[in-house]
């Protein structure tokens, strides 16, 4: 059975390993380490099975500008599951738990750069529907947004800016 919980300090090496294995490179693992070191992780969850961390998801603050500095938005990135546990619902559990936790924390909207065939099942739609663009040059269908509070993206047109750590990798 898989359980989802908040990342603990003792999970750091396992989280790094999960991200490195899932993406087949160190980039995303190093990004997680940098965001954590800069205290810019709003929410970091792990999926655990038999006392082993098998998945991870991170949410960090983003801005949509120009706009209200009090508007609370976050980027979902990265989300990783060890290859041998993929396609077993672990990623879905991480995302669903993350969405619930973000709502409880008062996050009003989320963005994600990801597979356009995967994230819509959770309620993500192309961010361009809200007049929102990504600061990185990406395909329209791969950059998605989701309102966690109804109407959150109304009159929020602009470019999403991620934390500076994203530029390092």
Protein backbone atom coordinates (compact mmCIF):
# COMPACT_ATOMS: atom_id res chain seq x y z
CA UNK A 1 0.00 0.00 0.00
CA UNK A 2 1.19 3.50 -0.86
CA UNK A 3 0.86 6.38 1.57
CA UNK A 4 1.43 10.09 0.91
CA UNK A 5 3.01 12.35 3.52
CA UNK A 6 4.99 15.57 3.78
CA UNK A 7 8.68 15.29 3.02
CA UNK A 8 10.84 15.04 6.16
CA UNK A 9 14.53 16.02 6.48
CA UNK A 10 15.54 12.35 6.44
CA UNK A 11 13.92 11.93 3.00
CA UNK A 12 16.26 14.27 1.11
CA UNK A 13 18.60 11.64 -0.34
CA UNK A 14 15.65 9.43 -1.32
CA UNK A 15 13.83 12.37 -2.95
CA UNK A 16 16.97 13.21 -4.92
CA UNK A 17 17.25 9.55 -6.02
CA UNK A 18 13.57 9.37 -7.07
CA UNK A 19 13.83 12.51 -9.21
CA UNK A 20 17.11 11.44 -10.78
CA UNK A 21 15.81 7.97 -11.66
CA UNK A 22 12.40 9.17 -12.88
CA UNK A 23 13.85 11.77 -15.23
CA UNK A 24 17.01 9.85 -16.14
CA UNK A 25 19.18 12.85 -15.27
CA UNK A 26 20.10 15.00 -12.26
CA UNK A 27 18.51 18.28 -13.44
CA UNK A 28 15.17 17.95 -11.64
CA UNK A 29 16.78 16.43 -8.54
CA UNK A 30 19.20 19.35 -8.35
CA UNK A 31 16.32 21.80 -8.83
CA UNK A 32 14.48 20.27 -5.86
CA UNK A 33 17.63 20.54 -3.76
CA UNK A 34 18.10 24.19 -4.77
CA UNK A 35 14.48 25.14 -4.07
CA UNK A 36 14.59 23.41 -0.70
CA UNK A 37 17.92 25.10 0.20
CA UNK A 38 16.45 28.50 -0.71
CA UNK A 39 13.34 27.76 1.39
CA UNK A 40 11.13 28.10 -1.67
CA UNK A 41 9.25 24.80 -1.45
CA UNK A 42 5.67 25.60 -0.52
CA UNK A 43 4.75 21.94 -0.35
CA UNK A 44 6.86 18.81 -0.80
CA UNK A 45 5.16 15.42 -0.56
CA UNK A 46 6.51 11.90 -0.83
CA UNK A 47 4.86 8.62 -1.75
CA UNK A 48 6.00 5.79 0.50
CA UNK A 49 5.61 2.04 0.06
CA UNK A 50 7.11 -0.45 2.52
CA UNK A 51 9.11 2.38 4.16
CA UNK A 52 10.67 3.31 0.79
CA UNK A 53 10.19 6.71 -0.86
CA UNK A 54 8.95 5.85 -4.35
CA UNK A 55 7.54 9.19 -5.49
CA UNK A 56 7.79 12.93 -4.93
CA UNK A 57 5.95 16.13 -5.82
CA UNK A 58 6.93 19.74 -5.18
CA UNK A 59 5.01 23.00 -5.35
CA UNK A 60 6.80 26.37 -5.33
CA UNK A 61 5.51 29.95 -5.52
CA UNK A 62 5.05 31.63 -8.88
CA UNK A 63 3.94 35.10 -9.85
CA UNK A 64 1.63 36.02 -12.68
CA UNK A 65 2.40 39.49 -13.67
CA UNK A 66 1.90 42.17 -13.58
CA UNK A 67 -0.59 41.67 -10.79
CA UNK A 68 -1.52 41.56 -7.17
CA UNK A 69 1.34 40.47 -4.90
CA UNK A 70 -1.22 39.01 -2.51
CA UNK A 71 -2.44 36.52 -5.12
CA UNK A 72 -1.20 33.06 -4.10
CA UNK A 73 -0.22 30.88 -7.04
CA UNK A 74 2.13 27.92 -7.24
CA UNK A 75 3.88 25.84 -9.83
CA UNK A 76 3.74 22.07 -9.69
CA UNK A 77 7.26 20.94 -10.56
CA UNK A 78 8.63 18.42 -10.51
CA UNK A 79 6.55 15.31 -9.96
CA UNK A 80 8.46 12.04 -10.10
CA UNK A 81 7.86 8.34 -9.50
CA UNK A 82 10.50 5.61 -9.60
CA UNK A 83 10.24 3.87 -12.99
CA UNK A 84 9.31 0.50 -11.49
CA UNK A 85 6.30 2.09 -9.75
CA UNK A 86 5.03 4.20 -12.66
CA UNK A 87 1.60 3.54 -14.17
CA UNK A 88 0.31 2.24 -10.84
CA UNK A 89 -1.53 5.38 -9.65
CA UNK A 90 1.31 6.76 -7.49
CA UNK A 91 1.57 10.00 -9.48
CA UNK A 92 -2.21 10.47 -9.31
CA UNK A 93 -2.14 10.04 -5.53
CA UNK A 94 0.65 12.60 -5.24
CA UNK A 95 -1.19 15.11 -7.40
CA UNK A 96 -4.59 14.65 -5.74
CA UNK A 97 -3.08 14.96 -2.26
CA UNK A 98 -1.05 17.97 -3.40
CA UNK A 99 -4.14 19.69 -4.79
CA UNK A 100 -5.99 19.17 -1.51
CA UNK A 101 -3.05 20.45 0.55
CA UNK A 102 -2.65 23.51 -1.70
CA UNK A 103 -6.35 24.34 -1.34
CA UNK A 104 -6.08 24.06 2.46
CA UNK A 105 -3.00 26.32 2.38
CA UNK A 106 -4.92 29.05 0.53
CA UNK A 107 -3.21 28.64 -2.84
CA UNK A 108 -5.61 30.12 -5.38
CA UNK A 109 -4.23 28.74 -8.63
CA UNK A 110 -1.65 26.33 -10.00
CA UNK A 111 0.38 26.03 -13.16
CA UNK A 112 2.24 23.04 -14.55
CA UNK A 113 4.48 22.41 -17.50
CA UNK A 114 3.81 18.80 -18.37
CA UNK A 115 2.28 16.14 -20.55
CA UNK A 116 -0.96 17.47 -22.10
CA UNK A 117 -2.48 13.99 -22.03
CA UNK A 118 -1.85 13.51 -18.30
CA UNK A 119 -2.61 16.65 -16.30
CA UNK A 120 -6.09 17.49 -17.72
CA UNK A 121 -7.55 14.51 -15.82
CA UNK A 122 -6.94 16.51 -12.63
CA UNK A 123 -8.60 19.68 -13.95
CA UNK A 124 -5.68 21.44 -15.64
CA UNK A 125 -6.43 23.26 -18.90
CA UNK A 126 -4.14 25.17 -21.27
CA UNK A 127 -3.09 28.30 -19.37
CA UNK A 128 -3.67 30.33 -22.52
CA UNK A 129 -7.43 30.02 -21.84
CA UNK A 130 -6.85 32.42 -18.97
CA UNK A 131 -4.46 34.64 -20.94
CA UNK A 132 -1.54 33.22 -18.99
CA UNK A 133 1.82 32.52 -20.63
CA UNK A 134 4.93 30.71 -19.50
CA UNK A 135 8.23 32.58 -19.21
CA UNK A 136 9.88 29.63 -20.98
CA UNK A 137 9.29 28.97 -24.67
CA UNK A 138 6.98 25.96 -24.48
CA UNK A 139 4.13 24.50 -26.50
CA UNK A 140 0.76 26.00 -25.60
CA UNK A 141 -0.82 22.63 -24.82
CA UNK A 142 2.02 21.69 -22.42
CA UNK A 143 1.65 24.73 -20.15
CA UNK A 144 -1.50 24.32 -18.09
CA UNK A 145 -3.29 26.06 -15.24
CA UNK A 146 -5.93 25.17 -12.70
CA UNK A 147 -8.03 27.39 -10.48
CA UNK A 148 -8.18 26.15 -6.91
CA UNK A 149 -10.55 28.98 -6.09
CA UNK A 150 -13.29 29.60 -8.64
CA UNK A 151 -12.53 32.72 -10.66
CA UNK A 152 -8.97 32.92 -9.35
CA UNK A 153 -7.48 33.60 -12.78
CA UNK A 154 -10.11 36.14 -13.82
CA UNK A 155 -8.23 39.30 -14.85
CA UNK A 156 -4.85 37.68 -14.12
CA UNK A 157 -3.45 37.75 -17.63
CA UNK A 158 0.29 37.82 -17.88
CA UNK A 159 3.45 35.79 -17.80
CA UNK A 160 4.17 33.24 -15.11
CA UNK A 161 7.52 33.77 -13.41
CA UNK A 162 9.04 30.82 -11.60
CA UNK A 163 11.57 31.05 -8.79
CA UNK A 164 15.10 32.02 -9.93
CA UNK A 165 16.34 28.49 -9.13
CA UNK A 166 14.52 27.25 -12.24
CA UNK A 167 16.92 29.33 -14.35
CA UNK A 168 19.93 27.48 -12.91
CA UNK A 169 19.06 24.13 -14.45
